[in-house]
Amino acid sequence: MNKKILVFIAALCIDLSACSGENSDSYKVKPVFINNCIKQESSTRPTEQANSYCNCVADEVFSDSDISDETKNLMPTLSDKNSKLYQQNDVALVRGALMSCYTSNFYKKK
């Protein structure tokens, strides 16, 4: 009887860890987003400032569990105003991250 309970608990733990784990390719998408962002932003500001901003946005968005995997996977299309990203239910969270990072990186008090 104890073996059956242990097997059941082990199977349940495996199932739960699979459900709670990250099912997306966010770890692949994040560097693509950062590179695209830096290319775009460095055309109008110093590269180090663009790098800081883009990494801030990536960290905010990709670590936010309230932002869906689908939205995270669409982040490299951020500069395309016709992107499906802007039709996502959680795009306001992405915009919030953009504004927060923009403010902290480009409006620093001197």
PDB file of N, CA and C in Angstrom:
ATOM      1  N   MET A   1       0.821  -1.202   0.000  1.00  0.00           N
ATOM      2  CA  MET A   1       0.000   0.000   0.000  1.00  0.00           C
ATOM      3  C   MET A   1       0.856   1.254   0.000  1.00  0.00           C
ATOM      4  N   ASN A   2       1.903   1.280   0.770  1.00  0.00           N
ATOM      5  CA  ASN A   2       2.773   2.449   0.847  1.00  0.00           C
ATOM      6  C   ASN A   2       3.466   2.734  -0.480  1.00  0.00           C
ATOM      7  N   LYS A   3       3.838   1.679  -1.207  1.00  0.00           N
ATOM      8  CA  LYS A   3       4.480   1.869  -2.507  1.00  0.00           C
ATOM      9  C   LYS A   3       3.530   2.556  -3.479  1.00  0.00           C
ATOM     10  N   LYS A   4       2.272   2.128  -3.463  1.00  0.00           N
ATOM     11  CA  LYS A   4       1.282   2.731  -4.361  1.00  0.00           C
ATOM     12  C   LYS A   4       1.082   4.202  -4.038  1.00  0.00           C
ATOM     13  N   ILE A   5       1.061   4.546  -2.774  1.00  0.00           N
ATOM     14  CA  ILE A   5       0.895   5.952  -2.375  1.00  0.00           C
ATOM     15  C   ILE A   5       2.108   6.766  -2.807  1.00  0.00           C
ATOM     16  N   LEU A   6       3.302   6.227  -2.621  1.00  0.00           N
ATOM     17  CA  LEU A   6       4.517   6.930  -3.022  1.00  0.00           C
ATOM     18  C   LEU A   6       4.577   7.135  -4.536  1.00  0.00           C
ATOM     19  N   VAL A   7       4.182   6.116  -5.276  1.00  0.00           N
ATOM     20  CA  VAL A   7       4.160   6.234  -6.733  1.00  0.00           C
ATOM     21  C   VAL A   7       3.154   7.299  -7.157  1.00  0.00           C
ATOM     22  N   PHE A   8       1.991   7.296  -6.521  1.00  0.00           N
ATOM     23  CA  PHE A   8       0.966   8.294  -6.831  1.00  0.00           C
ATOM     24  C   PHE A   8       1.474   9.703  -6.522  1.00  0.00           C
ATOM     25  N   ILE A   9       2.090   9.888  -5.362  1.00  0.00           N
ATOM     26  CA  ILE A   9       2.608  11.204  -4.971  1.00  0.00           C
ATOM     27  C   ILE A   9       3.713  11.648  -5.923  1.00  0.00           C
ATOM     28  N   ALA A  10       4.589  10.738  -6.299  1.00  0.00           N
ATOM     29  CA  ALA A  10       5.661  11.067  -7.240  1.00  0.00           C
ATOM     30  C   ALA A  10       5.081  11.496  -8.593  1.00  0.00           C
ATOM     31  N   ALA A  11       4.087  10.764  -9.069  1.00  0.00           N
ATOM     32  CA  ALA A  11       3.458  11.106 -10.350  1.00  0.00           C
ATOM     33  C   ALA A  11       2.764  12.460 -10.254  1.00  0.00           C
ATOM     34  N   LEU A  12       2.117  12.714  -9.140  1.00  0.00           N
ATOM     35  CA  LEU A  12       1.445  13.992  -8.936  1.00  0.00           C
ATOM     36  C   LEU A  12       2.443  15.140  -8.924  1.00  0.00           C
ATOM     37  N   CYS A  13       3.565  14.946  -8.250  1.00  0.00           N
ATOM     38  CA  CYS A  13       4.608  15.984  -8.207  1.00  0.00           C
ATOM     39  C   CYS A  13       5.171  16.268  -9.591  1.00  0.00           C
ATOM     40  N   ILE A  14       5.388  15.219 -10.362  1.00  0.00           N
ATOM     41  CA  ILE A  14       5.901  15.394 -11.728  1.00  0.00           C
ATOM     42  C   ILE A  14       4.897  16.165 -12.568  1.00  0.00           C
ATOM     43  N   ASP A  15       3.632  15.804 -12.471  1.00  0.00           N
ATOM     44  CA  ASP A  15       2.590  16.511 -13.222  1.00  0.00           C
ATOM     45  C   ASP A  15       2.517  17.971 -12.814  1.00  0.00           C
ATOM     46  N   LEU A  16       2.569  18.243 -11.528  1.00  0.00           N
ATOM     47  CA  LEU A  16       2.488  19.625 -11.048  1.00  0.00           C
ATOM     48  C   LEU A  16       3.697  20.435 -11.478  1.00  0.00           C
ATOM     49  N   SER A  17       4.869  19.843 -11.445  1.00  0.00           N
ATOM     50  CA  SER A  17       6.054  20.589 -11.859  1.00  0.00           C
ATOM     51  C   SER A  17       6.012  20.875 -13.355  1.00  0.00           C
ATOM     52  N   ALA A  18       5.435  19.985 -14.123  1.00  0.00           N
ATOM     53  CA  ALA A  18       5.302  20.220 -15.563  1.00  0.00           C
ATOM     54  C   ALA A  18       4.323  21.349 -15.832  1.00  0.00           C
ATOM     55  N   CYS A  19       3.271  21.434 -15.031  1.00  0.00           N
ATOM     56  CA  CYS A  19       2.282  22.494 -15.214  1.00  0.00           C
ATOM     57  C   CYS A  19       2.808  23.846 -14.783  1.00  0.00           C
ATOM     58  N   SER A  20       3.598  23.878 -13.745  1.00  0.00           N
ATOM     59  CA  SER A  20       4.067  25.158 -13.241  1.00  0.00           C
ATOM     60  C   SER A  20       5.322  25.637 -13.951  1.00  0.00           C
ATOM     61  N   GLY A  21       5.976  24.769 -14.674  1.00  0.00           N
ATOM     62  CA  GLY A  21       7.191  25.159 -15.374  1.00  0.00           C
ATOM     63  C   GLY A  21       6.889  26.030 -16.563  1.00  0.00           C
ATOM     64  N   GLU A  22       7.919  26.660 -17.056  1.00  0.00           N
ATOM     65  CA  GLU A  22       7.757  27.535 -18.207  1.00  0.00           C
ATOM     66  C   GLU A  22       7.647  26.671 -19.453  1.00  0.00           C
ATOM     67  N   ASN A  23       6.525  26.786 -20.133  1.00  0.00           N
ATOM     68  CA  ASN A  23       6.270  25.943 -21.296  1.00  0.00           C
ATOM     69  C   ASN A  23       6.629  26.629 -22.595  1.00  0.00           C
ATOM     70  N   SER A  24       7.153  27.811 -22.516  1.00  0.00           N
ATOM     71  CA  SER A  24       7.420  28.549 -23.737  1.00  0.00           C
ATOM     72  C   SER A  24       8.912  28.544 -24.056  1.00  0.00           C
ATOM     73  N   ASP A  25       9.242  29.201 -25.114  1.00  0.00           N
ATOM     74  CA  ASP A  25      10.633  29.373 -25.499  1.00  0.00           C
ATOM     75  C   ASP A  25      11.119  30.760 -25.107  1.00  0.00           C
ATOM     76  N   SER A  26      10.637  31.263 -23.983  1.00  0.00           N
ATOM     77  CA  SER A  26      10.988  32.611 -23.534  1.00  0.00           C
ATOM     78  C   SER A  26      12.491  32.797 -23.403  1.00  0.00           C
ATOM     79  N   TYR A  27      13.168  31.750 -22.963  1.00  0.00           N
ATOM     80  CA  TYR A  27      14.615  31.851 -22.806  1.00  0.00           C
ATOM     81  C   TYR A  27      15.314  32.061 -24.155  1.00  0.00           C
ATOM     82  N   LYS A  28      14.666  31.662 -25.250  1.00  0.00           N
ATOM     83  CA  LYS A  28      15.208  31.889 -26.594  1.00  0.00           C
ATOM     84  C   LYS A  28      14.764  33.245 -27.131  1.00  0.00           C
ATOM     85  N   VAL A  29      13.571  33.669 -26.773  1.00  0.00           N
ATOM     86  CA  VAL A  29      12.988  34.902 -27.308  1.00  0.00           C
ATOM     87  C   VAL A  29      13.606  36.134 -26.667  1.00  0.00           C
ATOM     88  N   LYS A  30      13.924  36.044 -25.390  1.00  0.00           N
ATOM     89  CA  LYS A  30      14.453  37.204 -24.660  1.00  0.00           C
ATOM     90  C   LYS A  30      15.703  37.798 -25.323  1.00  0.00           C
ATOM     91  N   PRO A  31      16.734  36.996 -25.665  1.00  0.00           N
ATOM     92  CA  PRO A  31      17.914  37.586 -26.303  1.00  0.00           C
ATOM     93  C   PRO A  31      17.620  38.183 -27.689  1.00  0.00           C
ATOM     94  N   VAL A  32      16.684  37.580 -28.397  1.00  0.00           N
ATOM     95  CA  VAL A  32      16.302  38.124 -29.714  1.00  0.00           C
ATOM     96  C   VAL A  32      15.655  39.492 -29.520  1.00  0.00           C
ATOM     97  N   PHE A  33      14.759  39.585 -28.537  1.00  0.00           N
ATOM     98  CA  PHE A  33      14.134  40.868 -28.247  1.00  0.00           C
ATOM     99  C   PHE A  33      15.183  41.906 -27.871  1.00  0.00           C
ATOM    100  N   ILE A  34      16.097  41.546 -26.974  1.00  0.00           N
ATOM    101  CA  ILE A  34      17.122  42.489 -26.519  1.00  0.00           C
ATOM    102  C   ILE A  34      17.961  42.986 -27.696  1.00  0.00           C
ATOM    103  N   ASN A  35      18.399  42.085 -28.560  1.00  0.00           N
ATOM    104  CA  ASN A  35      19.218  42.490 -29.717  1.00  0.00           C
ATOM    105  C   ASN A  35      18.455  43.423 -30.655  1.00  0.00           C
ATOM    106  N   ASN A  36      17.200  43.090 -30.954  1.00  0.00           N
ATOM    107  CA  ASN A  36      16.389  43.950 -31.824  1.00  0.00           C
ATOM    108  C   ASN A  36      16.176  45.320 -31.186  1.00  0.00           C
ATOM    109  N   CYS A  37      15.888  45.305 -29.902  1.00  0.00           N
ATOM    110  CA  CYS A  37      15.636  46.538 -29.169  1.00  0.00           C
ATOM    111  C   CYS A  37      16.876  47.432 -29.174  1.00  0.00           C
ATOM    112  N   ILE A  38      18.035  46.859 -28.891  1.00  0.00           N
ATOM    113  CA  ILE A  38      19.272  47.645 -28.850  1.00  0.00           C
ATOM    114  C   ILE A  38      19.564  48.245 -30.220  1.00  0.00           C
ATOM    115  N   LYS A  39      19.364  47.469 -31.279  1.00  0.00           N
ATOM    116  CA  LYS A  39      19.588  47.988 -32.639  1.00  0.00           C
ATOM    117  C   LYS A  39      18.699  49.201 -32.904  1.00  0.00           C
ATOM    118  N   GLN A  40      17.438  49.085 -32.528  1.00  0.00           N
ATOM    119  CA  GLN A  40      16.494  50.175 -32.772  1.00  0.00           C
ATOM    120  C   GLN A  40      16.802  51.386 -31.891  1.00  0.00           C
ATOM    121  N   GLU A  41      16.989  51.163 -30.612  1.00  0.00           N
ATOM    122  CA  GLU A  41      17.191  52.263 -29.668  1.00  0.00           C
ATOM    123  C   GLU A  41      18.535  52.960 -29.839  1.00  0.00           C
ATOM    124  N   SER A  42      19.566  52.228 -30.245  1.00  0.00           N
ATOM    125  CA  SER A  42      20.893  52.837 -30.376  1.00  0.00           C
ATOM    126  C   SER A  42      21.005  53.758 -31.589  1.00  0.00           C
ATOM    127  N   SER A  43      19.977  53.757 -32.425  1.00  0.00           N
ATOM    128  CA  SER A  43      19.998  54.690 -33.556  1.00  0.00           C
ATOM    129  C   SER A  43      19.671  56.118 -33.103  1.00  0.00           C
ATOM    130  N   THR A  44      19.093  56.266 -31.914  1.00  0.00           N
ATOM    131  CA  THR A  44      18.712  57.595 -31.433  1.00  0.00           C
ATOM    132  C   THR A  44      19.357  57.979 -30.108  1.00  0.00           C
ATOM    133  N   ARG A  45      20.103  57.071 -29.496  1.00  0.00           N
ATOM    134  CA  ARG A  45      20.736  57.371 -28.204  1.00  0.00           C
ATOM    135  C   ARG A  45      21.998  56.529 -28.065  1.00  0.00           C
ATOM    136  N   PRO A  46      22.851  56.840 -27.099  1.00  0.00           N
ATOM    137  CA  PRO A  46      24.078  56.052 -26.914  1.00  0.00           C
ATOM    138  C   PRO A  46      23.772  54.564 -26.697  1.00  0.00           C
ATOM    139  N   THR A  47      24.635  53.728 -27.215  1.00  0.00           N
ATOM    140  CA  THR A  47      24.447  52.279 -27.140  1.00  0.00           C
ATOM    141  C   THR A  47      24.330  51.794 -25.699  1.00  0.00           C
ATOM    142  N   GLU A  48      25.132  52.340 -24.797  1.00  0.00           N
ATOM    143  CA  GLU A  48      25.067  51.886 -23.399  1.00  0.00           C
ATOM    144  C   GLU A  48      23.719  52.218 -22.765  1.00  0.00           C
ATOM    145  N   GLN A  49      23.159  53.361 -23.148  1.00  0.00           N
ATOM    146  CA  GLN A  49      21.833  53.730 -22.643  1.00  0.00           C
ATOM    147  C   GLN A  49      20.759  52.817 -23.246  1.00  0.00           C
ATOM    148  N   ALA A  50      20.878  52.532 -24.531  1.00  0.00           N
ATOM    149  CA  ALA A  50      19.944  51.626 -25.198  1.00  0.00           C
ATOM    150  C   ALA A  50      20.035  50.227 -24.590  1.00  0.00           C
ATOM    151  N   ASN A  51      21.234  49.777 -24.320  1.00  0.00           N
ATOM    152  CA  ASN A  51      21.451  48.467 -23.718  1.00  0.00           C
ATOM    153  C   ASN A  51      20.796  48.387 -22.343  1.00  0.00           C
ATOM    154  N   SER A  52      20.979  49.409 -21.544  1.00  0.00           N
ATOM    155  CA  SER A  52      20.390  49.443 -20.212  1.00  0.00           C
ATOM    156  C   SER A  52      18.857  49.420 -20.280  1.00  0.00           C
ATOM    157  N   TYR A  53      18.296  50.220 -21.172  1.00  0.00           N
ATOM    158  CA  TYR A  53      16.838  50.283 -21.347  1.00  0.00           C
ATOM    159  C   TYR A  53      16.282  48.936 -21.809  1.00  0.00           C
ATOM    160  N   CYS A  54      16.873  48.364 -22.819  1.00  0.00           N
ATOM    161  CA  CYS A  54      16.363  47.116 -23.394  1.00  0.00           C
ATOM    162  C   CYS A  54      16.468  45.952 -22.410  1.00  0.00           C
ATOM    163  N   ASN A  55      17.548  45.901 -21.659  1.00  0.00           N
ATOM    164  CA  ASN A  55      17.681  44.859 -20.648  1.00  0.00           C
ATOM    165  C   ASN A  55      16.673  45.045 -19.525  1.00  0.00           C
ATOM    166  N   CYS A  56      16.396  46.294 -19.178  1.00  0.00           N
ATOM    167  CA  CYS A  56      15.387  46.590 -18.169  1.00  0.00           C
ATOM    168  C   CYS A  56      14.020  46.079 -18.632  1.00  0.00           C
ATOM    169  N   VAL A  57      13.637  46.401 -19.864  1.00  0.00           N
ATOM    170  CA  VAL A  57      12.343  45.972 -20.399  1.00  0.00           C
ATOM    171  C   VAL A  57      12.274  44.440 -20.438  1.00  0.00           C
ATOM    172  N   ALA A  58      13.328  43.821 -20.930  1.00  0.00           N
ATOM    173  CA  ALA A  58      13.340  42.356 -21.025  1.00  0.00           C
ATOM    174  C   ALA A  58      13.202  41.723 -19.640  1.00  0.00           C
ATOM    175  N   ASP A  59      13.938  42.239 -18.675  1.00  0.00           N
ATOM    176  CA  ASP A  59      13.852  41.682 -17.323  1.00  0.00           C
ATOM    177  C   ASP A  59      12.455  41.856 -16.746  1.00  0.00           C
ATOM    178  N   GLU A  60      11.865  43.031 -16.945  1.00  0.00           N
ATOM    179  CA  GLU A  60      10.522  43.300 -16.423  1.00  0.00           C
ATOM    180  C   GLU A  60       9.486  42.369 -17.063  1.00  0.00           C
ATOM    181  N   VAL A  61       9.505  42.289 -18.376  1.00  0.00           N
ATOM    182  CA  VAL A  61       8.479  41.528 -19.105  1.00  0.00           C
ATOM    183  C   VAL A  61       8.651  40.031 -18.908  1.00  0.00           C
ATOM    184  N   PHE A  62       9.858  39.533 -19.097  1.00  0.00           N
ATOM    185  CA  PHE A  62      10.062  38.084 -19.077  1.00  0.00           C
ATOM    186  C   PHE A  62      10.027  37.490 -17.676  1.00  0.00           C
ATOM    187  N   SER A  63      10.106  38.324 -16.644  1.00  0.00           N
ATOM    188  CA  SER A  63      10.000  37.799 -15.282  1.00  0.00           C
ATOM    189  C   SER A  63       8.598  37.983 -14.698  1.00  0.00           C
ATOM    190  N   ASP A  64       7.721  38.644 -15.434  1.00  0.00           N
ATOM    191  CA  ASP A  64       6.365  38.907 -14.944  1.00  0.00           C
ATOM    192  C   ASP A  64       5.456  37.724 -15.259  1.00  0.00           C
ATOM    193  N   SER A  65       5.029  37.028 -14.228  1.00  0.00           N
ATOM    194  CA  SER A  65       4.182  35.849 -14.435  1.00  0.00           C
ATOM    195  C   SER A  65       2.768  36.222 -14.875  1.00  0.00           C
ATOM    196  N   ASP A  66       2.408  37.497 -14.762  1.00  0.00           N
ATOM    197  CA  ASP A  66       1.090  37.938 -15.225  1.00  0.00           C
ATOM    198  C   ASP A  66       1.060  38.177 -16.734  1.00  0.00           C
ATOM    199  N   ILE A  67       2.225  38.200 -17.360  1.00  0.00           N
ATOM    200  CA  ILE A  67       2.300  38.358 -18.816  1.00  0.00           C
ATOM    201  C   ILE A  67       2.372  36.967 -19.427  1.00  0.00           C
ATOM    202  N   SER A  68       1.473  36.702 -20.368  1.00  0.00           N
ATOM    203  CA  SER A  68       1.365  35.353 -20.947  1.00  0.00           C
ATOM    204  C   SER A  68       2.592  34.984 -21.769  1.00  0.00           C
ATOM    205  N   ASP A  69       2.802  33.680 -21.911  1.00  0.00           N
ATOM    206  CA  ASP A  69       3.898  33.184 -22.743  1.00  0.00           C
ATOM    207  C   ASP A  69       3.723  33.648 -24.185  1.00  0.00           C
ATOM    208  N   GLU A  70       2.490  33.693 -24.651  1.00  0.00           N
ATOM    209  CA  GLU A  70       2.239  34.140 -26.028  1.00  0.00           C
ATOM    210  C   GLU A  70       2.701  35.579 -26.217  1.00  0.00           C
ATOM    211  N   THR A  71       2.392  36.431 -25.256  1.00  0.00           N
ATOM    212  CA  THR A  71       2.826  37.827 -25.336  1.00  0.00           C
ATOM    213  C   THR A  71       4.347  37.913 -25.289  1.00  0.00           C
ATOM    214  N   LYS A  72       4.960  37.159 -24.414  1.00  0.00           N
ATOM    215  CA  LYS A  72       6.428  37.154 -24.321  1.00  0.00           C
ATOM    216  C   LYS A  72       7.048  36.710 -25.643  1.00  0.00           C
ATOM    217  N   ASN A  73       6.444  35.713 -26.271  1.00  0.00           N
ATOM    218  CA  ASN A  73       6.968  35.230 -27.548  1.00  0.00           C
ATOM    219  C   ASN A  73       6.804  36.249 -28.669  1.00  0.00           C
ATOM    220  N   LEU A  74       5.883  37.190 -28.492  1.00  0.00           N
ATOM    221  CA  LEU A  74       5.667  38.234 -29.504  1.00  0.00           C
ATOM    222  C   LEU A  74       6.535  39.475 -29.276  1.00  0.00           C
ATOM    223  N   MET A  75       7.278  39.520 -28.201  1.00  0.00           N
ATOM    224  CA  MET A  75       8.076  40.704 -27.875  1.00  0.00           C
ATOM    225  C   MET A  75       9.042  41.138 -28.986  1.00  0.00           C
ATOM    226  N   PRO A  76       9.669  40.226 -29.725  1.00  0.00           N
ATOM    227  CA  PRO A  76      10.545  40.692 -30.803  1.00  0.00           C
ATOM    228  C   PRO A  76       9.809  41.489 -31.891  1.00  0.00           C
ATOM    229  N   THR A  77       8.489  41.419 -31.922  1.00  0.00           N
ATOM    230  CA  THR A  77       7.718  42.168 -32.928  1.00  0.00           C
ATOM    231  C   THR A  77       7.222  43.502 -32.371  1.00  0.00           C
ATOM    232  N   LEU A  78       7.769  43.942 -31.262  1.00  0.00           N
ATOM    233  CA  LEU A  78       7.337  45.163 -30.585  1.00  0.00           C
ATOM    234  C   LEU A  78       7.374  46.384 -31.495  1.00  0.00           C
ATOM    235  N   SER A  79       8.365  46.488 -32.343  1.00  0.00           N
ATOM    236  CA  SER A  79       8.486  47.678 -33.202  1.00  0.00           C
ATOM    237  C   SER A  79       7.500  47.679 -34.372  1.00  0.00           C
ATOM    238  N   ASP A  80       6.850  46.546 -34.630  1.00  0.00           N
ATOM    239  CA  ASP A  80       5.847  46.455 -35.702  1.00  0.00           C
ATOM    240  C   ASP A  80       4.487  46.857 -35.138  1.00  0.00           C
ATOM    241  N   LYS A  81       3.999  48.005 -35.511  1.00  0.00           N
ATOM    242  CA  LYS A  81       2.735  48.515 -34.954  1.00  0.00           C
ATOM    243  C   LYS A  81       1.529  47.670 -35.358  1.00  0.00           C
ATOM    244  N   ASN A  82       1.673  46.810 -36.350  1.00  0.00           N
ATOM    245  CA  ASN A  82       0.595  45.907 -36.756  1.00  0.00           C
ATOM    246  C   ASN A  82       0.740  44.525 -36.126  1.00  0.00           C
ATOM    247  N   SER A  83       1.663  44.397 -35.197  1.00  0.00           N
ATOM    248  CA  SER A  83       1.936  43.112 -34.558  1.00  0.00           C
ATOM    249  C   SER A  83       0.738  42.632 -33.756  1.00  0.00           C
ATOM    250  N   LYS A  84       0.621  41.323 -33.685  1.00  0.00           N
ATOM    251  CA  LYS A  84      -0.409  40.688 -32.854  1.00  0.00           C
ATOM    252  C   LYS A  84      -0.188  41.011 -31.374  1.00  0.00           C
ATOM    253  N   LEU A  85       1.019  41.433 -31.041  1.00  0.00           N
ATOM    254  CA  LEU A  85       1.338  41.805 -29.659  1.00  0.00           C
ATOM    255  C   LEU A  85       0.361  42.839 -29.121  1.00  0.00           C
ATOM    256  N   TYR A  86       0.016  43.800 -29.954  1.00  0.00           N
ATOM    257  CA  TYR A  86      -0.848  44.896 -29.521  1.00  0.00           C
ATOM    258  C   TYR A  86      -2.316  44.494 -29.386  1.00  0.00           C
ATOM    259  N   GLN A  87      -2.641  43.262 -29.752  1.00  0.00           N
ATOM    260  CA  GLN A  87      -4.002  42.748 -29.594  1.00  0.00           C
ATOM    261  C   GLN A  87      -4.117  41.842 -28.371  1.00  0.00           C
ATOM    262  N   GLN A  88      -3.011  41.620 -27.663  1.00  0.00           N
ATOM    263  CA  GLN A  88      -3.011  40.750 -26.498  1.00  0.00           C
ATOM    264  C   GLN A  88      -3.719  41.422 -25.315  1.00  0.00           C
ATOM    265  N   ASN A  89      -4.355  40.634 -24.496  1.00  0.00           N
ATOM    266  CA  ASN A  89      -5.058  41.149 -23.313  1.00  0.00           C
ATOM    267  C   ASN A  89      -4.123  41.779 -22.292  1.00  0.00           C
ATOM    268  N   ASP A  90      -2.880  41.325 -22.264  1.00  0.00           N
ATOM    269  CA  ASP A  90      -1.935  41.809 -21.261  1.00  0.00           C
ATOM    270  C   ASP A  90      -0.916  42.813 -21.807  1.00  0.00           C
ATOM    271  N   VAL A  91      -1.232  43.417 -22.952  1.00  0.00           N
ATOM    272  CA  VAL A  91      -0.299  44.378 -23.543  1.00  0.00           C
ATOM    273  C   VAL A  91      -0.120  45.606 -22.642  1.00  0.00           C
ATOM    274  N   ALA A  92      -1.088  45.906 -21.809  1.00  0.00           N
ATOM    275  CA  ALA A  92      -0.954  47.042 -20.887  1.00  0.00           C
ATOM    276  C   ALA A  92       0.201  46.805 -19.909  1.00  0.00           C
ATOM    277  N   LEU A  93       0.426  45.570 -19.530  1.00  0.00           N
ATOM    278  CA  LEU A  93       1.550  45.248 -18.644  1.00  0.00           C
ATOM    279  C   LEU A  93       2.879  45.472 -19.355  1.00  0.00           C
ATOM    280  N   VAL A  94       2.924  45.159 -20.638  1.00  0.00           N
ATOM    281  CA  VAL A  94       4.121  45.395 -21.439  1.00  0.00           C
ATOM    282  C   VAL A  94       4.356  46.905 -21.553  1.00  0.00           C
ATOM    283  N   ARG A  95       3.303  47.644 -21.839  1.00  0.00           N
ATOM    284  CA  ARG A  95       3.439  49.104 -21.938  1.00  0.00           C
ATOM    285  C   ARG A  95       3.900  49.711 -20.618  1.00  0.00           C
ATOM    286  N   GLY A  96       3.394  49.179 -19.521  1.00  0.00           N
ATOM    287  CA  GLY A  96       3.824  49.644 -18.205  1.00  0.00           C
ATOM    288  C   GLY A  96       5.312  49.421 -17.989  1.00  0.00           C
ATOM    289  N   ALA A  97       5.798  48.264 -18.399  1.00  0.00           N
ATOM    290  CA  ALA A  97       7.231  47.963 -18.280  1.00  0.00           C
ATOM    291  C   ALA A  97       8.045  48.899 -19.166  1.00  0.00           C
ATOM    292  N   LEU A  98       7.548  49.160 -20.367  1.00  0.00           N
ATOM    293  CA  LEU A  98       8.240  50.076 -21.275  1.00  0.00           C
ATOM    294  C   LEU A  98       8.363  51.472 -20.663  1.00  0.00           C
ATOM    295  N   MET A  99       7.258  51.968 -20.117  1.00  0.00           N
ATOM    296  CA  MET A  99       7.260  53.311 -19.540  1.00  0.00           C
ATOM    297  C   MET A  99       8.134  53.370 -18.285  1.00  0.00           C
ATOM    298  N   SER A 100       8.066  52.356 -17.463  1.00  0.00           N
ATOM    299  CA  SER A 100       8.874  52.321 -16.248  1.00  0.00           C
ATOM    300  C   SER A 100      10.371  52.349 -16.591  1.00  0.00           C
ATOM    301  N   CYS A 101      10.760  51.526 -17.528  1.00  0.00           N
ATOM    302  CA  CYS A 101      12.171  51.470 -17.919  1.00  0.00           C
ATOM    303  C   CYS A 101      12.597  52.733 -18.662  1.00  0.00           C
ATOM    304  N   TYR A 102      11.714  53.282 -19.478  1.00  0.00           N
ATOM    305  CA  TYR A 102      12.011  54.515 -20.198  1.00  0.00           C
ATOM    306  C   TYR A 102      12.267  55.634 -19.206  1.00  0.00           C
ATOM    307  N   THR A 103      11.386  55.749 -18.215  1.00  0.00           N
ATOM    308  CA  THR A 103      11.520  56.795 -17.206  1.00  0.00           C
ATOM    309  C   THR A 103      12.803  56.623 -16.401  1.00  0.00           C
ATOM    310  N   SER A 104      13.076  55.406 -15.979  1.00  0.00           N
ATOM    311  CA  SER A 104      14.258  55.183 -15.142  1.00  0.00           C
ATOM    312  C   SER A 104      15.568  55.305 -15.912  1.00  0.00           C
ATOM    313  N   ASN A 105      15.551  55.085 -17.216  1.00  0.00           N
ATOM    314  CA  ASN A 105      16.791  55.133 -17.991  1.00  0.00           C
ATOM    315  C   ASN A 105      17.018  56.445 -18.740  1.00  0.00           C
ATOM    316  N   PHE A 106      15.956  57.162 -19.088  1.00  0.00           N
ATOM    317  CA  PHE A 106      16.132  58.356 -19.907  1.00  0.00           C
ATOM    318  C   PHE A 106      15.796  59.652 -19.182  1.00  0.00           C
ATOM    319  N   TYR A 107      15.201  59.561 -18.015  1.00  0.00           N
ATOM    320  CA  TYR A 107      14.852  60.767 -17.259  1.00  0.00           C
ATOM    321  C   TYR A 107      15.510  60.726 -15.885  1.00  0.00           C
ATOM    322  N   LYS A 108      16.768  60.408 -15.867  1.00  0.00           N
ATOM    323  CA  LYS A 108      17.506  60.347 -14.608  1.00  0.00           C
ATOM    324  C   LYS A 108      17.785  61.771 -14.127  1.00  0.00           C
ATOM    325  N   LYS A 109      17.637  61.953 -12.824  1.00  0.00           N
ATOM    326  CA  LYS A 109      17.951  63.251 -12.238  1.00  0.00           C
ATOM    327  C   LYS A 109      19.459  63.425 -12.206  1.00  0.00           C
ATOM    328  N   LYS A 110      19.894  64.637 -12.494  1.00  0.00           N
ATOM    329  CA  LYS A 110      21.336  64.906 -12.503  1.00  0.00           C
ATOM    330  C   LYS A 110      21.757  65.606 -11.256  1.00  0.00           C
TER     331      LYS A 110
END
